[in-house]
Amino acid sequence: MDNITLKGALIKSLEMEKAGFAFYMDTAKKTSNKGTAAIFKALAEDENRHIGAIKKYSDSASKNLNLPELSNAMPKHKDIKERVIFGKEFFRMLSSSVSGADQLKAYEAAMTLETEGYNFYKKAYNSIGDKNVKDLYKFLMGEENTHHKLISDTYEYLKNPQDLFFKNEKPIIEG
């Protein structure tokens, strides 16, 4: 799949975002951990926004209309890290239940989803010449990166909560 058509890229993008939305909503509903539920609900909100934007591009393409500019297709929204408040209370909530294998597997699956999304969007970006579509895929690549970092950092925290202080606070060692 070295060369991707506009129609093929939009169809696959829509399928991927819908699958991501379903996965994040399902996981948010099933988890007993309020912190994980908050993260996965916020990820689902982003996927839903992506679905809306991709549909606008698809509708325009199917009607042979000019493709929309990203600012007209993607509603403004706060960054996910602004919507999920990360502070002591959040980490206490995240740590409130034991991080079982199922919870960690959900984060692993989420990282895979985001990586696959990024890789596909990069291929689409490199294959399609339309500036407005390139803007969409550049934006989606950035979103996937942001999501992956959030998921990865949370995963590492759940595996080793004691490491958060050392990673973020950079302790001073006196000797």
N, C-alpha and C. Protein backbone atom coordinates (compact mmCIF):
# COMPACT_ATOMS: atom_id res chain seq x y z
N MET A 1 0.83 -1.18 0.00
CA MET A 1 0.00 0.00 0.00
C MET A 1 0.88 1.24 0.00
N ASP A 2 1.79 1.30 -0.95
CA ASP A 2 2.71 2.43 -1.03
C ASP A 2 2.01 3.70 -1.48
N ASN A 3 1.10 3.56 -2.43
CA ASN A 3 0.40 4.73 -2.94
C ASN A 3 -1.06 4.63 -2.52
N ILE A 4 -1.52 5.61 -1.82
CA ILE A 4 -2.85 5.60 -1.25
C ILE A 4 -3.70 6.63 -1.98
N THR A 5 -4.92 6.24 -2.36
CA THR A 5 -5.82 7.20 -2.99
C THR A 5 -6.53 8.00 -1.90
N LEU A 6 -7.04 9.15 -2.28
CA LEU A 6 -7.76 10.00 -1.33
C LEU A 6 -8.95 9.23 -0.75
N LYS A 7 -9.74 8.63 -1.62
CA LYS A 7 -10.93 7.90 -1.15
C LYS A 7 -10.53 6.75 -0.23
N GLY A 8 -9.52 5.98 -0.62
CA GLY A 8 -9.06 4.86 0.20
C GLY A 8 -8.53 5.32 1.55
N ALA A 9 -7.79 6.43 1.54
CA ALA A 9 -7.23 6.95 2.79
C ALA A 9 -8.33 7.39 3.74
N LEU A 10 -9.32 8.09 3.21
CA LEU A 10 -10.40 8.59 4.06
C LEU A 10 -11.25 7.44 4.61
N ILE A 11 -11.51 6.44 3.78
CA ILE A 11 -12.28 5.28 4.24
C ILE A 11 -11.53 4.57 5.37
N LYS A 12 -10.25 4.29 5.16
CA LYS A 12 -9.47 3.60 6.19
C LYS A 12 -9.35 4.45 7.45
N SER A 13 -9.15 5.76 7.29
CA SER A 13 -9.04 6.66 8.44
C SER A 13 -10.32 6.62 9.26
N LEU A 14 -11.45 6.64 8.59
CA LEU A 14 -12.74 6.61 9.28
C LEU A 14 -12.90 5.29 10.03
N GLU A 15 -12.54 4.19 9.40
CA GLU A 15 -12.62 2.88 10.05
C GLU A 15 -11.74 2.83 11.30
N MET A 16 -10.53 3.35 11.18
CA MET A 16 -9.59 3.32 12.31
C MET A 16 -10.10 4.17 13.47
N GLU A 17 -10.60 5.36 13.16
CA GLU A 17 -11.09 6.24 14.22
C GLU A 17 -12.34 5.66 14.89
N LYS A 18 -13.21 5.03 14.10
CA LYS A 18 -14.40 4.40 14.68
C LYS A 18 -14.01 3.24 15.59
N ALA A 19 -13.03 2.46 15.16
CA ALA A 19 -12.55 1.34 16.00
C ALA A 19 -11.92 1.88 17.28
N GLY A 20 -11.15 2.95 17.18
CA GLY A 20 -10.55 3.56 18.36
C GLY A 20 -11.61 4.09 19.31
N PHE A 21 -12.62 4.77 18.77
CA PHE A 21 -13.71 5.29 19.59
C PHE A 21 -14.39 4.15 20.35
N ALA A 22 -14.73 3.09 19.64
CA ALA A 22 -15.41 1.95 20.27
C ALA A 22 -14.54 1.32 21.36
N PHE A 23 -13.26 1.15 21.08
CA PHE A 23 -12.35 0.56 22.06
C PHE A 23 -12.25 1.43 23.31
N TYR A 24 -12.06 2.73 23.12
CA TYR A 24 -11.90 3.62 24.28
C TYR A 24 -13.18 3.70 25.11
N MET A 25 -14.33 3.78 24.45
CA MET A 25 -15.59 3.85 25.19
C MET A 25 -15.84 2.54 25.94
N ASP A 26 -15.60 1.43 25.29
CA ASP A 26 -15.81 0.12 25.92
C ASP A 26 -14.90 -0.04 27.13
N THR A 27 -13.64 0.33 26.98
CA THR A 27 -12.69 0.21 28.09
C THR A 27 -13.07 1.15 29.23
N ALA A 28 -13.48 2.37 28.90
CA ALA A 28 -13.88 3.33 29.93
C ALA A 28 -15.06 2.81 30.74
N LYS A 29 -15.99 2.15 30.07
CA LYS A 29 -17.17 1.60 30.75
C LYS A 29 -16.83 0.40 31.62
N LYS A 30 -15.88 -0.41 31.17
CA LYS A 30 -15.55 -1.66 31.87
C LYS A 30 -14.62 -1.48 33.07
N THR A 31 -13.80 -0.44 33.05
CA THR A 31 -12.80 -0.31 34.11
C THR A 31 -13.44 0.21 35.40
N SER A 32 -12.91 -0.27 36.50
CA SER A 32 -13.36 0.24 37.80
C SER A 32 -12.47 1.40 38.26
N ASN A 33 -11.41 1.67 37.52
CA ASN A 33 -10.46 2.72 37.88
C ASN A 33 -10.92 4.05 37.29
N LYS A 34 -11.24 5.01 38.15
CA LYS A 34 -11.78 6.30 37.70
C LYS A 34 -10.77 7.08 36.85
N GLY A 35 -9.48 6.96 37.17
CA GLY A 35 -8.46 7.65 36.39
C GLY A 35 -8.37 7.10 34.97
N THR A 36 -8.37 5.78 34.87
CA THR A 36 -8.33 5.14 33.55
C THR A 36 -9.59 5.48 32.77
N ALA A 37 -10.74 5.46 33.44
CA ALA A 37 -11.99 5.80 32.76
C ALA A 37 -11.93 7.23 32.22
N ALA A 38 -11.39 8.17 32.99
CA ALA A 38 -11.30 9.57 32.55
C ALA A 38 -10.40 9.69 31.32
N ILE A 39 -9.27 9.01 31.34
CA ILE A 39 -8.35 9.06 30.20
C ILE A 39 -9.00 8.48 28.95
N PHE A 40 -9.61 7.30 29.08
CA PHE A 40 -10.18 6.64 27.91
C PHE A 40 -11.42 7.38 27.38
N LYS A 41 -12.19 8.02 28.25
CA LYS A 41 -13.32 8.83 27.78
C LYS A 41 -12.80 10.04 27.00
N ALA A 42 -11.74 10.67 27.48
CA ALA A 42 -11.17 11.81 26.77
C ALA A 42 -10.60 11.38 25.41
N LEU A 43 -9.98 10.21 25.37
CA LEU A 43 -9.48 9.70 24.09
C LEU A 43 -10.63 9.43 23.13
N ALA A 44 -11.73 8.88 23.65
CA ALA A 44 -12.91 8.62 22.82
C ALA A 44 -13.48 9.93 22.26
N GLU A 45 -13.49 10.98 23.09
CA GLU A 45 -13.96 12.29 22.61
C GLU A 45 -13.12 12.77 21.44
N ASP A 46 -11.81 12.60 21.54
CA ASP A 46 -10.93 13.01 20.45
C ASP A 46 -11.21 12.18 19.19
N GLU A 47 -11.35 10.87 19.36
CA GLU A 47 -11.63 10.01 18.21
C GLU A 47 -12.93 10.45 17.53
N ASN A 48 -13.92 10.80 18.33
CA ASN A 48 -15.21 11.24 17.78
C ASN A 48 -15.06 12.53 16.98
N ARG A 49 -14.25 13.45 17.48
CA ARG A 49 -13.98 14.68 16.73
C ARG A 49 -13.28 14.36 15.41
N HIS A 50 -12.34 13.44 15.46
CA HIS A 50 -11.62 13.03 14.23
C HIS A 50 -12.60 12.44 13.23
N ILE A 51 -13.53 11.62 13.71
CA ILE A 51 -14.54 11.01 12.83
C ILE A 51 -15.33 12.10 12.12
N GLY A 52 -15.76 13.12 12.87
CA GLY A 52 -16.52 14.21 12.27
C GLY A 52 -15.74 14.93 11.19
N ALA A 53 -14.47 15.20 11.45
CA ALA A 53 -13.64 15.91 10.47
C ALA A 53 -13.43 15.05 9.22
N ILE A 54 -13.12 13.78 9.41
CA ILE A 54 -12.89 12.89 8.27
C ILE A 54 -14.15 12.78 7.43
N LYS A 55 -15.32 12.74 8.08
CA LYS A 55 -16.59 12.69 7.33
C LYS A 55 -16.77 13.94 6.48
N LYS A 56 -16.38 15.09 6.99
CA LYS A 56 -16.49 16.33 6.21
C LYS A 56 -15.62 16.25 4.96
N TYR A 57 -14.41 15.74 5.12
CA TYR A 57 -13.53 15.58 3.95
C TYR A 57 -14.12 14.55 2.98
N SER A 58 -14.63 13.44 3.51
CA SER A 58 -15.20 12.39 2.67
C SER A 58 -16.42 12.90 1.90
N ASP A 59 -17.29 13.64 2.59
CA ASP A 59 -18.48 14.18 1.93
C ASP A 59 -18.10 15.12 0.80
N SER A 60 -17.13 15.99 1.05
CA SER A 60 -16.69 16.92 0.01
C SER A 60 -16.06 16.18 -1.16
N ALA A 61 -15.25 15.19 -0.86
CA ALA A 61 -14.58 14.41 -1.92
C ALA A 61 -15.60 13.65 -2.76
N SER A 62 -16.60 13.05 -2.11
CA SER A 62 -17.59 12.26 -2.85
C SER A 62 -18.47 13.13 -3.74
N LYS A 63 -18.60 14.41 -3.41
CA LYS A 63 -19.41 15.34 -4.20
C LYS A 63 -18.54 16.17 -5.14
N ASN A 64 -17.26 15.81 -5.22
CA ASN A 64 -16.30 16.53 -6.06
C ASN A 64 -16.25 18.03 -5.73
N LEU A 65 -16.40 18.35 -4.45
CA LEU A 65 -16.29 19.73 -3.99
C LEU A 65 -14.87 19.99 -3.51
N ASN A 66 -14.55 21.27 -3.32
CA ASN A 66 -13.24 21.58 -2.73
C ASN A 66 -13.19 20.99 -1.34
N LEU A 67 -12.06 20.42 -1.00
CA LEU A 67 -11.90 19.83 0.33
C LEU A 67 -11.78 20.94 1.36
N PRO A 68 -12.39 20.74 2.52
CA PRO A 68 -12.39 21.82 3.52
C PRO A 68 -11.01 22.07 4.11
N GLU A 69 -10.84 23.28 4.62
CA GLU A 69 -9.65 23.58 5.40
C GLU A 69 -9.82 22.95 6.76
N LEU A 70 -8.73 22.59 7.38
CA LEU A 70 -8.77 21.92 8.68
C LEU A 70 -9.56 22.74 9.70
N SER A 71 -9.36 24.05 9.70
CA SER A 71 -10.04 24.90 10.68
C SER A 71 -11.57 24.85 10.53
N ASN A 72 -12.06 24.51 9.34
CA ASN A 72 -13.51 24.40 9.12
C ASN A 72 -14.02 22.98 9.38
N ALA A 73 -13.14 22.01 9.37
CA ALA A 73 -13.56 20.62 9.55
C ALA A 73 -13.39 20.13 10.99
N MET A 74 -12.44 20.70 11.69
CA MET A 74 -12.13 20.22 13.05
C MET A 74 -12.54 21.28 14.06
N PRO A 75 -13.51 20.95 14.92
CA PRO A 75 -13.90 21.94 15.94
C PRO A 75 -12.75 22.22 16.90
N LYS A 76 -12.69 23.44 17.37
CA LYS A 76 -11.67 23.81 18.37
C LYS A 76 -11.94 23.03 19.64
N HIS A 77 -10.87 22.63 20.30
CA HIS A 77 -11.01 21.92 21.57
C HIS A 77 -9.73 22.05 22.36
N LYS A 78 -9.87 21.86 23.65
CA LYS A 78 -8.69 21.89 24.52
C LYS A 78 -7.89 20.63 24.32
N ASP A 79 -6.59 20.76 24.52
CA ASP A 79 -5.70 19.60 24.49
C ASP A 79 -6.16 18.59 25.53
N ILE A 80 -5.95 17.33 25.24
CA ILE A 80 -6.39 16.27 26.14
C ILE A 80 -5.81 16.42 27.55
N LYS A 81 -4.59 16.93 27.65
CA LYS A 81 -3.99 17.10 28.98
C LYS A 81 -4.64 18.23 29.76
N GLU A 82 -5.34 19.12 29.08
CA GLU A 82 -6.09 20.16 29.77
C GLU A 82 -7.46 19.65 30.20
N ARG A 83 -7.98 18.67 29.46
CA ARG A 83 -9.30 18.12 29.78
C ARG A 83 -9.23 17.06 30.88
N VAL A 84 -8.14 16.34 30.96
CA VAL A 84 -7.93 15.37 32.03
C VAL A 84 -6.92 16.02 32.96
N ILE A 85 -7.38 16.46 34.11
CA ILE A 85 -6.53 17.21 35.03
C ILE A 85 -5.57 16.25 35.73
N PHE A 86 -4.29 16.46 35.47
CA PHE A 86 -3.26 15.61 36.06
C PHE A 86 -2.64 16.33 37.26
N GLY A 87 -2.94 15.84 38.41
CA GLY A 87 -2.38 16.39 39.63
C GLY A 87 -2.34 15.28 40.66
N LYS A 88 -2.03 15.65 41.88
CA LYS A 88 -1.93 14.64 42.93
C LYS A 88 -3.22 13.85 43.07
N GLU A 89 -4.35 14.55 43.00
CA GLU A 89 -5.64 13.87 43.16
C GLU A 89 -5.87 12.86 42.03
N PHE A 90 -5.50 13.25 40.80
CA PHE A 90 -5.67 12.34 39.68
C PHE A 90 -4.82 11.08 39.88
N PHE A 91 -3.57 11.25 40.26
CA PHE A 91 -2.70 10.09 40.44
C PHE A 91 -3.16 9.23 41.61
N ARG A 92 -3.74 9.86 42.63
CA ARG A 92 -4.31 9.10 43.74
C ARG A 92 -5.48 8.26 43.22
N MET A 93 -6.31 8.87 42.36
CA MET A 93 -7.45 8.18 41.78
C MET A 93 -6.97 7.03 40.88
N LEU A 94 -5.94 7.30 40.10
CA LEU A 94 -5.39 6.29 39.20
C LEU A 94 -4.82 5.12 39.99
N SER A 95 -4.24 5.41 41.14
CA SER A 95 -3.62 4.38 41.97
C SER A 95 -4.61 3.72 42.93
N SER A 96 -5.86 4.19 42.93
CA SER A 96 -6.82 3.72 43.93
C SER A 96 -7.15 2.25 43.81
N SER A 97 -6.96 1.67 42.67
CA SER A 97 -7.18 0.24 42.54
C SER A 97 -5.92 -0.40 41.99
N VAL A 98 -5.78 -1.64 42.27
CA VAL A 98 -4.59 -2.36 41.81
C VAL A 98 -4.59 -2.40 40.29
N SER A 99 -3.44 -2.14 39.72
CA SER A 99 -3.30 -2.19 38.27
C SER A 99 -3.11 -3.64 37.84
N GLY A 100 -4.19 -4.25 37.48
CA GLY A 100 -4.13 -5.63 37.07
C GLY A 100 -3.64 -5.77 35.65
N ALA A 101 -3.43 -7.01 35.27
CA ALA A 101 -2.94 -7.31 33.93
C ALA A 101 -3.91 -6.81 32.87
N ASP A 102 -5.22 -6.91 33.15
CA ASP A 102 -6.21 -6.46 32.16
C ASP A 102 -6.10 -4.97 31.91
N GLN A 103 -5.90 -4.20 32.97
CA GLN A 103 -5.79 -2.76 32.81
C GLN A 103 -4.53 -2.42 32.02
N LEU A 104 -3.42 -3.05 32.34
CA LEU A 104 -2.18 -2.80 31.60
C LEU A 104 -2.32 -3.22 30.14
N LYS A 105 -3.03 -4.33 29.90
CA LYS A 105 -3.25 -4.79 28.51
C LYS A 105 -4.07 -3.76 27.72
N ALA A 106 -5.02 -3.12 28.40
CA ALA A 106 -5.81 -2.09 27.72
C ALA A 106 -4.91 -0.93 27.28
N TYR A 107 -3.98 -0.54 28.14
CA TYR A 107 -3.04 0.53 27.77
C TYR A 107 -2.11 0.07 26.65
N GLU A 108 -1.69 -1.18 26.67
CA GLU A 108 -0.84 -1.71 25.60
C GLU A 108 -1.60 -1.69 24.28
N ALA A 109 -2.86 -2.12 24.30
CA ALA A 109 -3.67 -2.12 23.08
C ALA A 109 -3.88 -0.70 22.58
N ALA A 110 -4.07 0.23 23.50
CA ALA A 110 -4.24 1.63 23.11
C ALA A 110 -2.98 2.18 22.46
N MET A 111 -1.82 1.84 23.00
CA MET A 111 -0.56 2.30 22.38
C MET A 111 -0.43 1.74 20.97
N THR A 112 -0.83 0.49 20.78
CA THR A 112 -0.78 -0.12 19.45
C THR A 112 -1.71 0.61 18.49
N LEU A 113 -2.93 0.90 18.94
CA LEU A 113 -3.88 1.65 18.10
C LEU A 113 -3.30 2.98 17.66
N GLU A 114 -2.73 3.70 18.59
CA GLU A 114 -2.19 5.02 18.28
C GLU A 114 -0.98 4.94 17.35
N THR A 115 -0.14 3.94 17.55
CA THR A 115 1.02 3.76 16.67
C THR A 115 0.58 3.41 15.26
N GLU A 116 -0.36 2.49 15.15
CA GLU A 116 -0.86 2.11 13.82
C GLU A 116 -1.52 3.30 13.14
N GLY A 117 -2.27 4.09 13.90
CA GLY A 117 -2.89 5.29 13.34
C GLY A 117 -1.85 6.26 12.82
N TYR A 118 -0.84 6.52 13.62
CA TYR A 118 0.22 7.44 13.20
C TYR A 118 0.88 6.94 11.92
N ASN A 119 1.23 5.67 11.88
CA ASN A 119 1.91 5.12 10.70
C ASN A 119 1.05 5.24 9.44
N PHE A 120 -0.24 4.95 9.57
CA PHE A 120 -1.11 5.08 8.40
C PHE A 120 -1.25 6.54 7.98
N TYR A 121 -1.44 7.42 8.94
CA TYR A 121 -1.61 8.84 8.61
C TYR A 121 -0.36 9.41 7.96
N LYS A 122 0.80 8.92 8.37
CA LYS A 122 2.04 9.36 7.73
C LYS A 122 2.09 8.91 6.28
N LYS A 123 1.69 7.65 6.02
CA LYS A 123 1.63 7.17 4.63
C LYS A 123 0.66 8.00 3.80
N ALA A 124 -0.50 8.28 4.38
CA ALA A 124 -1.50 9.07 3.66
C ALA A 124 -0.96 10.47 3.39
N TYR A 125 -0.33 11.07 4.39
CA TYR A 125 0.25 12.41 4.24
C TYR A 125 1.25 12.42 3.08
N ASN A 126 2.08 11.41 3.00
CA ASN A 126 3.11 11.36 1.96
C ASN A 126 2.56 10.98 0.59
N SER A 127 1.35 10.41 0.53
CA SER A 127 0.79 9.94 -0.74
C SER A 127 -0.18 10.90 -1.40
N ILE A 128 -0.76 11.78 -0.62
CA ILE A 128 -1.82 12.64 -1.16
C ILE A 128 -1.29 14.07 -1.28
N GLY A 129 -1.51 14.67 -2.44
CA GLY A 129 -0.94 15.98 -2.72
C GLY A 129 -1.76 17.17 -2.27
N ASP A 130 -3.06 17.00 -2.05
CA ASP A 130 -3.92 18.12 -1.70
C ASP A 130 -3.49 18.74 -0.37
N LYS A 131 -3.29 20.06 -0.36
CA LYS A 131 -2.81 20.75 0.83
C LYS A 131 -3.75 20.58 2.01
N ASN A 132 -5.05 20.69 1.77
CA ASN A 132 -6.00 20.58 2.87
C ASN A 132 -6.01 19.18 3.49
N VAL A 133 -5.85 18.17 2.65
CA VAL A 133 -5.80 16.80 3.17
C VAL A 133 -4.48 16.59 3.91
N LYS A 134 -3.41 17.15 3.39
CA LYS A 134 -2.13 17.06 4.10
C LYS A 134 -2.25 17.69 5.49
N ASP A 135 -2.94 18.84 5.56
CA ASP A 135 -3.15 19.49 6.86
C ASP A 135 -3.91 18.57 7.81
N LEU A 136 -4.94 17.89 7.30
CA LEU A 136 -5.70 16.94 8.13
C LEU A 136 -4.79 15.85 8.65
N TYR A 137 -4.00 15.24 7.78
CA TYR A 137 -3.17 14.12 8.21
C TYR A 137 -2.01 14.57 9.10
N LYS A 138 -1.51 15.75 8.88
CA LYS A 138 -0.48 16.29 9.79
C LYS A 138 -1.08 16.48 11.19
N PHE A 139 -2.28 17.02 11.24
CA PHE A 139 -2.98 17.21 12.51
C PHE A 139 -3.21 15.85 13.19
N LEU A 140 -3.71 14.88 12.43
CA LEU A 140 -3.99 13.56 13.00
C LEU A 140 -2.72 12.88 13.51
N MET A 141 -1.61 13.05 12.80
CA MET A 141 -0.34 12.49 13.28
C MET A 141 0.03 13.12 14.63
N GLY A 142 -0.15 14.41 14.75
CA GLY A 142 0.14 15.09 16.02
C GLY A 142 -0.76 14.58 17.14
N GLU A 143 -2.04 14.37 16.84
CA GLU A 143 -2.97 13.85 17.84
C GLU A 143 -2.55 12.44 18.28
N GLU A 144 -2.19 11.60 17.31
CA GLU A 144 -1.78 10.23 17.65
C GLU A 144 -0.53 10.25 18.54
N ASN A 145 0.40 11.14 18.23
CA ASN A 145 1.61 11.27 19.06
C ASN A 145 1.26 11.70 20.48
N THR A 146 0.40 12.69 20.59
CA THR A 146 -0.01 13.18 21.91
C THR A 146 -0.71 12.07 22.69
N HIS A 147 -1.61 11.36 22.02
CA HIS A 147 -2.32 10.26 22.68
C HIS A 147 -1.34 9.17 23.12
N HIS A 148 -0.42 8.82 22.25
CA HIS A 148 0.52 7.75 22.58
C HIS A 148 1.36 8.14 23.80
N LYS A 149 1.82 9.37 23.84
CA LYS A 149 2.63 9.81 24.98
C LYS A 149 1.83 9.76 26.28
N LEU A 150 0.62 10.23 26.24
CA LEU A 150 -0.25 10.19 27.41
C LEU A 150 -0.48 8.75 27.87
N ILE A 151 -0.79 7.88 26.94
CA ILE A 151 -1.06 6.48 27.26
C ILE A 151 0.21 5.81 27.78
N SER A 152 1.32 6.04 27.11
CA SER A 152 2.59 5.44 27.50
C SER A 152 3.03 5.90 28.88
N ASP A 153 2.92 7.21 29.14
CA ASP A 153 3.30 7.73 30.45
C ASP A 153 2.42 7.15 31.55
N THR A 154 1.14 7.03 31.28
CA THR A 154 0.22 6.47 32.27
C THR A 154 0.51 5.00 32.50
N TYR A 155 0.79 4.30 31.43
CA TYR A 155 1.14 2.88 31.52
C TYR A 155 2.38 2.69 32.40
N GLU A 156 3.39 3.50 32.14
CA GLU A 156 4.63 3.40 32.94
C GLU A 156 4.35 3.74 34.41
N TYR A 157 3.50 4.73 34.64
CA TYR A 157 3.14 5.08 36.01
C TYR A 157 2.44 3.90 36.70
N LEU A 158 1.50 3.28 35.99
CA LEU A 158 0.76 2.16 36.60
C LEU A 158 1.69 0.98 36.90
N LYS A 159 2.67 0.77 36.05
CA LYS A 159 3.63 -0.31 36.30
C LYS A 159 4.55 0.01 37.46
N ASN A 160 4.97 1.28 37.58
CA ASN A 160 5.95 1.70 38.59
C ASN A 160 5.59 3.06 39.14
N PRO A 161 4.55 3.15 39.99
CA PRO A 161 4.13 4.47 40.49
C PRO A 161 5.23 5.21 41.25
N GLN A 162 6.12 4.49 41.90
CA GLN A 162 7.18 5.13 42.67
C GLN A 162 8.16 5.88 41.78
N ASP A 163 8.23 5.54 40.51
CA ASP A 163 9.16 6.19 39.60
C ASP A 163 8.70 7.57 39.14
N LEU A 164 7.42 7.90 39.35
CA LEU A 164 6.91 9.19 38.88
C LEU A 164 7.68 10.35 39.49
N PHE A 165 7.94 10.28 40.78
CA PHE A 165 8.66 11.36 41.45
C PHE A 165 10.05 11.53 40.83
N PHE A 166 10.75 10.45 40.66
CA PHE A 166 12.12 10.54 40.15
C PHE A 166 12.16 11.01 38.70
N LYS A 167 11.15 10.62 37.94
CA LYS A 167 11.11 11.01 36.54
C LYS A 167 10.76 12.50 36.39
N ASN A 168 9.79 12.97 37.17
CA ASN A 168 9.30 14.33 37.00
C ASN A 168 9.96 15.35 37.91
N GLU A 169 10.36 14.94 39.08
CA GLU A 169 10.88 15.89 40.07
C GLU A 169 12.39 16.05 40.02
N LYS A 170 13.09 15.14 39.42
CA LYS A 170 14.55 15.18 39.31
C LYS A 170 15.18 15.42 40.69
N PRO A 171 15.17 14.41 41.54
CA PRO A 171 15.64 14.60 42.91
C PRO A 171 17.09 15.06 42.98
N ILE A 172 17.35 15.80 44.03
CA ILE A 172 18.73 16.25 44.28
C ILE A 172 19.33 15.26 45.27
N ILE A 173 20.43 14.70 44.90
CA ILE A 173 21.09 13.74 45.76
C ILE A 173 22.20 14.45 46.51
N GLU A 174 22.10 14.39 47.81
CA GLU A 174 23.13 15.02 48.64
C GLU A 174 24.09 13.95 49.12
N GLY A 175 25.32 14.32 49.27
CA GLY A 175 26.24 13.32 49.68
C GLY A 175 27.27 13.74 50.60
